[in-house]
PDB file of N, CA and C in Angstrom:
ATOM      1  N   MET A   1      -1.830  -1.604   4.878  1.00  0.00           N
ATOM      2  CA  MET A   1      -3.131  -1.348   5.466  1.00  0.00           C
ATOM      3  C   MET A   1      -3.878  -0.331   4.626  1.00  0.00           C
ATOM      4  N   PHE A   2      -5.167  -0.381   4.726  1.00  0.00           N
ATOM      5  CA  PHE A   2      -5.994   0.544   3.972  1.00  0.00           C
ATOM      6  C   PHE A   2      -5.959   1.930   4.594  1.00  0.00           C
ATOM      7  N   PRO A   3      -6.024   2.958   3.754  1.00  0.00           N
ATOM      8  CA  PRO A   3      -5.972   4.331   4.264  1.00  0.00           C
ATOM      9  C   PRO A   3      -7.192   4.673   5.101  1.00  0.00           C
ATOM     10  N   ARG A   4      -6.997   5.533   6.057  1.00  0.00           N
ATOM     11  CA  ARG A   4      -8.109   5.996   6.905  1.00  0.00           C
ATOM     12  C   ARG A   4      -8.907   7.097   6.217  1.00  0.00           C
ATOM     13  N   ASP A   5      -8.250   7.823   5.345  1.00  0.00           N
ATOM     14  CA  ASP A   5      -8.908   8.893   4.609  1.00  0.00           C
ATOM     15  C   ASP A   5      -9.994   8.295   3.708  1.00  0.00           C
ATOM     16  N   ASP A   6     -11.229   8.750   3.876  1.00  0.00           N
ATOM     17  CA  ASP A   6     -12.370   8.164   3.154  1.00  0.00           C
ATOM     18  C   ASP A   6     -12.232   8.257   1.636  1.00  0.00           C
ATOM     19  N   LEU A   7     -11.766   9.369   1.128  1.00  0.00           N
ATOM     20  CA  LEU A   7     -11.658   9.548  -0.313  1.00  0.00           C
ATOM     21  C   LEU A   7     -10.631   8.590  -0.917  1.00  0.00           C
ATOM     22  N   THR A   8      -9.467   8.507  -0.313  1.00  0.00           N
ATOM     23  CA  THR A   8      -8.428   7.602  -0.802  1.00  0.00           C
ATOM     24  C   THR A   8      -8.864   6.155  -0.652  1.00  0.00           C
ATOM     25  N   ARG A   9      -9.484   5.833   0.457  1.00  0.00           N
ATOM     26  CA  ARG A   9      -9.966   4.472   0.701  1.00  0.00           C
ATOM     27  C   ARG A   9     -10.970   4.058  -0.384  1.00  0.00           C
ATOM     28  N   GLU A  10     -11.875   4.931  -0.742  1.00  0.00           N
ATOM     29  CA  GLU A  10     -12.864   4.625  -1.772  1.00  0.00           C
ATOM     30  C   GLU A  10     -12.204   4.380  -3.125  1.00  0.00           C
ATOM     31  N   LYS A  11     -11.145   5.116  -3.433  1.00  0.00           N
ATOM     32  CA  LYS A  11     -10.415   4.891  -4.682  1.00  0.00           C
ATOM     33  C   LYS A  11      -9.793   3.501  -4.700  1.00  0.00           C
ATOM     34  N   TRP A  12      -9.259   3.066  -3.569  1.00  0.00           N
ATOM     35  CA  TRP A  12      -8.683   1.722  -3.472  1.00  0.00           C
ATOM     36  C   TRP A  12      -9.760   0.673  -3.706  1.00  0.00           C
ATOM     37  N   VAL A  13     -10.893   0.844  -3.052  1.00  0.00           N
ATOM     38  CA  VAL A  13     -11.989  -0.134  -3.155  1.00  0.00           C
ATOM     39  C   VAL A  13     -12.477  -0.211  -4.609  1.00  0.00           C
ATOM     40  N   ARG A  14     -12.681   0.925  -5.250  1.00  0.00           N
ATOM     41  CA  ARG A  14     -13.130   0.925  -6.646  1.00  0.00           C
ATOM     42  C   ARG A  14     -12.132   0.227  -7.552  1.00  0.00           C
ATOM     43  N   PHE A  15     -10.846   0.409  -7.296  1.00  0.00           N
ATOM     44  CA  PHE A  15      -9.806  -0.231  -8.096  1.00  0.00           C
ATOM     45  C   PHE A  15      -9.948  -1.748  -8.046  1.00  0.00           C
ATOM     46  N   VAL A  16     -10.076  -2.303  -6.866  1.00  0.00           N
ATOM     47  CA  VAL A  16     -10.150  -3.756  -6.716  1.00  0.00           C
ATOM     48  C   VAL A  16     -11.477  -4.305  -7.220  1.00  0.00           C
ATOM     49  N   ARG A  17     -12.548  -3.609  -6.972  1.00  0.00           N
ATOM     50  CA  ARG A  17     -13.873  -4.121  -7.357  1.00  0.00           C
ATOM     51  C   ARG A  17     -14.110  -4.135  -8.862  1.00  0.00           C
ATOM     52  N   ARG A  18     -13.191  -3.615  -9.636  1.00  0.00           N
ATOM     53  CA  ARG A  18     -13.320  -3.733 -11.096  1.00  0.00           C
ATOM     54  C   ARG A  18     -13.292  -5.201 -11.510  1.00  0.00           C
ATOM     55  N   HIS A  19     -12.581  -6.027 -10.737  1.00  0.00           N
ATOM     56  CA  HIS A  19     -12.459  -7.450 -11.058  1.00  0.00           C
ATOM     57  C   HIS A  19     -13.071  -8.358  -9.985  1.00  0.00           C
ATOM     58  N   ARG A  20     -13.307  -7.831  -8.810  1.00  0.00           N
ATOM     59  CA  ARG A  20     -13.866  -8.615  -7.698  1.00  0.00           C
ATOM     60  C   ARG A  20     -14.990  -7.812  -7.050  1.00  0.00           C
ATOM     61  N   ALA A  21     -16.172  -7.938  -7.605  1.00  0.00           N
ATOM     62  CA  ALA A  21     -17.302  -7.095  -7.218  1.00  0.00           C
ATOM     63  C   ALA A  21     -17.670  -7.170  -5.741  1.00  0.00           C
ATOM     64  N   LYS A  22     -17.488  -8.311  -5.106  1.00  0.00           N
ATOM     65  CA  LYS A  22     -17.903  -8.478  -3.707  1.00  0.00           C
ATOM     66  C   LYS A  22     -16.741  -8.351  -2.723  1.00  0.00           C
ATOM     67  N   TRP A  23     -15.614  -7.911  -3.203  1.00  0.00           N
ATOM     68  CA  TRP A  23     -14.421  -7.809  -2.373  1.00  0.00           C
ATOM     69  C   TRP A  23     -14.613  -6.802  -1.252  1.00  0.00           C
ATOM     70  N   GLN A  24     -14.133  -7.162  -0.056  1.00  0.00           N
ATOM     71  CA  GLN A  24     -14.197  -6.281   1.111  1.00  0.00           C
ATOM     72  C   GLN A  24     -12.781  -5.857   1.503  1.00  0.00           C
ATOM     73  N   PRO A  25     -12.594  -4.597   1.854  1.00  0.00           N
ATOM     74  CA  PRO A  25     -11.251  -4.090   2.168  1.00  0.00           C
ATOM     75  C   PRO A  25     -10.613  -4.785   3.371  1.00  0.00           C
ATOM     76  N   LEU A  26      -9.456  -5.355   3.149  1.00  0.00           N
ATOM     77  CA  LEU A  26      -8.625  -5.917   4.215  1.00  0.00           C
ATOM     78  C   LEU A  26      -7.194  -5.468   3.985  1.00  0.00           C
ATOM     79  N   VAL A  27      -6.561  -6.063   3.006  1.00  0.00           N
ATOM     80  CA  VAL A  27      -5.195  -5.707   2.633  1.00  0.00           C
ATOM     81  C   VAL A  27      -5.100  -5.670   1.118  1.00  0.00           C
ATOM     82  N   LEU A  28      -4.065  -5.010   0.639  1.00  0.00           N
ATOM     83  CA  LEU A  28      -3.813  -4.948  -0.790  1.00  0.00           C
ATOM     84  C   LEU A  28      -2.315  -5.085  -0.998  1.00  0.00           C
ATOM     85  N   CYS A  29      -1.924  -5.957  -1.888  1.00  0.00           N
ATOM     86  CA  CYS A  29      -0.524  -6.259  -2.148  1.00  0.00           C
ATOM     87  C   CYS A  29       0.192  -5.050  -2.752  1.00  0.00           C
ATOM     88  N   SER A  30       1.445  -4.871  -2.404  1.00  0.00           N
ATOM     89  CA  SER A  30       2.224  -3.730  -2.889  1.00  0.00           C
ATOM     90  C   SER A  30       2.467  -3.781  -4.392  1.00  0.00           C
ATOM     91  N   VAL A  31       2.275  -4.917  -5.019  1.00  0.00           N
ATOM     92  CA  VAL A  31       2.499  -5.038  -6.463  1.00  0.00           C
ATOM     93  C   VAL A  31       1.536  -4.157  -7.265  1.00  0.00           C
ATOM     94  N   HIS A  32       0.437  -3.716  -6.663  1.00  0.00           N
ATOM     95  CA  HIS A  32      -0.544  -2.881  -7.341  1.00  0.00           C
ATOM     96  C   HIS A  32      -0.176  -1.396  -7.351  1.00  0.00           C
ATOM     97  N   PHE A  33       0.977  -1.061  -6.791  1.00  0.00           N
ATOM     98  CA  PHE A  33       1.418   0.331  -6.700  1.00  0.00           C
ATOM     99  C   PHE A  33       2.696   0.541  -7.495  1.00  0.00           C
ATOM    100  N   GLU A  34       2.885   1.776  -7.969  1.00  0.00           N
ATOM    101  CA  GLU A  34       4.108   2.156  -8.668  1.00  0.00           C
ATOM    102  C   GLU A  34       5.218   2.372  -7.633  1.00  0.00           C
ATOM    103  N   LEU A  35       6.468   2.248  -8.060  1.00  0.00           N
ATOM    104  CA  LEU A  35       7.588   2.496  -7.141  1.00  0.00           C
ATOM    105  C   LEU A  35       7.542   3.918  -6.594  1.00  0.00           C
ATOM    106  N   SER A  36       7.038   4.845  -7.392  1.00  0.00           N
ATOM    107  CA  SER A  36       6.964   6.243  -6.950  1.00  0.00           C
ATOM    108  C   SER A  36       5.910   6.454  -5.856  1.00  0.00           C
ATOM    109  N   ASP A  37       5.075   5.451  -5.585  1.00  0.00           N
ATOM    110  CA  ASP A  37       4.074   5.535  -4.522  1.00  0.00           C
ATOM    111  C   ASP A  37       4.675   5.247  -3.140  1.00  0.00           C
ATOM    112  N   PHE A  38       5.943   4.879  -3.113  1.00  0.00           N
ATOM    113  CA  PHE A  38       6.609   4.527  -1.859  1.00  0.00           C
ATOM    114  C   PHE A  38       7.684   5.545  -1.514  1.00  0.00           C
ATOM    115  N   GLU A  39       8.001   5.600  -0.224  1.00  0.00           N
ATOM    116  CA  GLU A  39       9.117   6.409   0.251  1.00  0.00           C
ATOM    117  C   GLU A  39       9.937   5.571   1.203  1.00  0.00           C
ATOM    118  N   ARG A  40      11.192   5.905   1.344  1.00  0.00           N
ATOM    119  CA  ARG A  40      12.087   5.206   2.267  1.00  0.00           C
ATOM    120  C   ARG A  40      12.127   5.960   3.582  1.00  0.00           C
ATOM    121  N   ARG A  41      12.016   5.221   4.673  1.00  0.00           N
ATOM    122  CA  ARG A  41      12.112   5.826   6.011  1.00  0.00           C
ATOM    123  C   ARG A  41      13.140   5.052   6.822  1.00  0.00           C
ATOM    124  N   LEU A  42      13.787   5.768   7.708  1.00  0.00           N
ATOM    125  CA  LEU A  42      14.770   5.164   8.582  1.00  0.00           C
ATOM    126  C   LEU A  42      14.071   4.397   9.687  1.00  0.00           C
ATOM    127  N   ASP A  43      14.483   3.162   9.911  1.00  0.00           N
ATOM    128  CA  ASP A  43      13.932   2.317  10.964  1.00  0.00           C
ATOM    129  C   ASP A  43      15.042   2.055  11.980  1.00  0.00           C
ATOM    130  N   LEU A  44      14.898   2.631  13.163  1.00  0.00           N
ATOM    131  CA  LEU A  44      15.917   2.491  14.207  1.00  0.00           C
ATOM    132  C   LEU A  44      15.531   1.400  15.184  1.00  0.00           C
ATOM    133  N   ASN A  45      16.502   0.579  15.568  1.00  0.00           N
ATOM    134  CA  ASN A  45      16.298  -0.466  16.551  1.00  0.00           C
ATOM    135  C   ASN A  45      17.326  -0.247  17.658  1.00  0.00           C
ATOM    136  N   PHE A  46      16.836   0.212  18.814  1.00  0.00           N
ATOM    137  CA  PHE A  46      17.746   0.517  19.918  1.00  0.00           C
ATOM    138  C   PHE A  46      17.859  -0.614  20.929  1.00  0.00           C
ATOM    139  N   GLY A  47      17.359  -1.783  20.590  1.00  0.00           N
ATOM    140  CA  GLY A  47      17.457  -2.933  21.484  1.00  0.00           C
ATOM    141  C   GLY A  47      18.864  -3.506  21.481  1.00  0.00           C
ATOM    142  N   GLN A  48      18.980  -4.718  21.997  1.00  0.00           N
ATOM    143  CA  GLN A  48      20.278  -5.379  22.029  1.00  0.00           C
ATOM    144  C   GLN A  48      20.761  -5.569  20.591  1.00  0.00           C
ATOM    145  N   GLY A  49      21.996  -5.237  20.335  1.00  0.00           N
ATOM    146  CA  GLY A  49      22.523  -5.302  18.977  1.00  0.00           C
ATOM    147  C   GLY A  49      21.911  -4.221  18.106  1.00  0.00           C
ATOM    148  N   SER A  50      21.885  -3.011  18.607  1.00  0.00           N
ATOM    149  CA  SER A  50      21.250  -1.879  17.935  1.00  0.00           C
ATOM    150  C   SER A  50      21.587  -1.844  16.446  1.00  0.00           C
ATOM    151  N   SER A  51      20.603  -1.449  15.667  1.00  0.00           N
ATOM    152  CA  SER A  51      20.814  -1.359  14.231  1.00  0.00           C
ATOM    153  C   SER A  51      19.876  -0.312  13.651  1.00  0.00           C
ATOM    154  N   PHE A  52      20.139   0.063  12.434  1.00  0.00           N
ATOM    155  CA  PHE A  52      19.219   0.916  11.718  1.00  0.00           C
ATOM    156  C   PHE A  52      19.264   0.536  10.241  1.00  0.00           C
ATOM    157  N   LYS A  53      18.152   0.676   9.604  1.00  0.00           N
ATOM    158  CA  LYS A  53      18.041   0.391   8.177  1.00  0.00           C
ATOM    159  C   LYS A  53      16.883   1.213   7.635  1.00  0.00           C
ATOM    160  N   THR A  54      16.728   1.211   6.348  1.00  0.00           N
ATOM    161  CA  THR A  54      15.604   1.916   5.766  1.00  0.00           C
ATOM    162  C   THR A  54      14.516   0.917   5.388  1.00  0.00           C
ATOM    163  N   LYS A  55      13.274   1.357   5.512  1.00  0.00           N
ATOM    164  CA  LYS A  55      12.127   0.538   5.134  1.00  0.00           C
ATOM    165  C   LYS A  55      11.307   1.302   4.107  1.00  0.00           C
ATOM    166  N   ARG A  56      10.589   0.549   3.301  1.00  0.00           N
ATOM    167  CA  ARG A  56       9.734   1.146   2.283  1.00  0.00           C
ATOM    168  C   ARG A  56       8.334   1.332   2.866  1.00  0.00           C
ATOM    169  N   TRP A  57       7.807   2.556   2.776  1.00  0.00           N
ATOM    170  CA  TRP A  57       6.473   2.885   3.275  1.00  0.00           C
ATOM    171  C   TRP A  57       5.631   3.441   2.148  1.00  0.00           C
ATOM    172  N   LEU A  58       4.383   3.071   2.112  1.00  0.00           N
ATOM    173  CA  LEU A  58       3.462   3.589   1.116  1.00  0.00           C
ATOM    174  C   LEU A  58       3.075   5.014   1.487  1.00  0.00           C
ATOM    175  N   LYS A  59       3.125   5.922   0.519  1.00  0.00           N
ATOM    176  CA  LYS A  59       2.738   7.313   0.768  1.00  0.00           C
ATOM    177  C   LYS A  59       1.245   7.382   1.081  1.00  0.00           C
ATOM    178  N   LYS A  60       0.857   8.328   1.920  1.00  0.00           N
ATOM    179  CA  LYS A  60      -0.534   8.421   2.372  1.00  0.00           C
ATOM    180  C   LYS A  60      -1.525   8.656   1.243  1.00  0.00           C
ATOM    181  N   ASP A  61      -1.121   9.349   0.207  1.00  0.00           N
ATOM    182  CA  ASP A  61      -2.044   9.657  -0.885  1.00  0.00           C
ATOM    183  C   ASP A  61      -1.941   8.678  -2.056  1.00  0.00           C
ATOM    184  N   ALA A  62      -1.196   7.579  -1.884  1.00  0.00           N
ATOM    185  CA  ALA A  62      -1.015   6.597  -2.959  1.00  0.00           C
ATOM    186  C   ALA A  62      -2.325   5.876  -3.271  1.00  0.00           C
ATOM    187  N   VAL A  63      -2.551   5.653  -4.556  1.00  0.00           N
ATOM    188  CA  VAL A  63      -3.739   4.945  -5.026  1.00  0.00           C
ATOM    189  C   VAL A  63      -3.256   3.821  -5.949  1.00  0.00           C
ATOM    190  N   PRO A  64      -3.777   2.600  -5.801  1.00  0.00           N
ATOM    191  CA  PRO A  64      -3.334   1.492  -6.658  1.00  0.00           C
ATOM    192  C   PRO A  64      -3.688   1.756  -8.121  1.00  0.00           C
ATOM    193  N   THR A  65      -2.752   1.432  -9.016  1.00  0.00           N
ATOM    194  CA  THR A  65      -2.963   1.645 -10.457  1.00  0.00           C
ATOM    195  C   THR A  65      -2.552   0.445 -11.302  1.00  0.00           C
ATOM    196  N   LYS A  66      -1.786  -0.455 -10.748  1.00  0.00           N
ATOM    197  CA  LYS A  66      -1.252  -1.578 -11.524  1.00  0.00           C
ATOM    198  C   LYS A  66      -2.183  -2.789 -11.396  1.00  0.00           C
ATOM    199  N   ASP A  67      -2.709  -3.189 -12.527  1.00  0.00           N
ATOM    200  CA  ASP A  67      -3.613  -4.332 -12.579  1.00  0.00           C
ATOM    201  C   ASP A  67      -2.809  -5.616 -12.806  1.00  0.00           C
ATOM    202  N   CYS A  68      -3.128  -6.655 -12.074  1.00  0.00           N
ATOM    203  CA  CYS A  68      -2.399  -7.918 -12.206  1.00  0.00           C
ATOM    204  C   CYS A  68      -3.301  -9.051 -12.682  1.00  0.00           C
ATOM    205  N   VAL A  69      -4.509  -8.730 -13.079  1.00  0.00           N
ATOM    206  CA  VAL A  69      -5.443  -9.750 -13.539  1.00  0.00           C
ATOM    207  C   VAL A  69      -5.096 -10.126 -14.964  1.00  0.00           C
ATOM    208  N   GLN A  70      -4.935 -11.425 -15.183  1.00  0.00           N
ATOM    209  CA  GLN A  70      -4.661 -11.906 -16.539  1.00  0.00           C
ATOM    210  C   GLN A  70      -5.968 -12.203 -17.242  1.00  0.00           C
ATOM    211  N   GLN A  71      -6.073 -11.757 -18.470  1.00  0.00           N
ATOM    212  CA  GLN A  71      -7.318 -11.959 -19.210  1.00  0.00           C
ATOM    213  C   GLN A  71      -7.136 -12.959 -20.326  1.00  0.00           C
TER     214      GLN A  71
END
């Protein structure tokens, strides 16, 4: 999901609009971020068959930097 912070959100929008001028913010694929932009968090499931595992979460201040457009 797009960040709520206006400054970070604008950086995301500028990144994408370099190649898609009319693009409107909805979602952005994780491939546009470095591995260091993510953190692991514990995800607990206390329902039937309780389990826990770690999930990858994007850091709040992460800004997309990896371009995937082929020229």
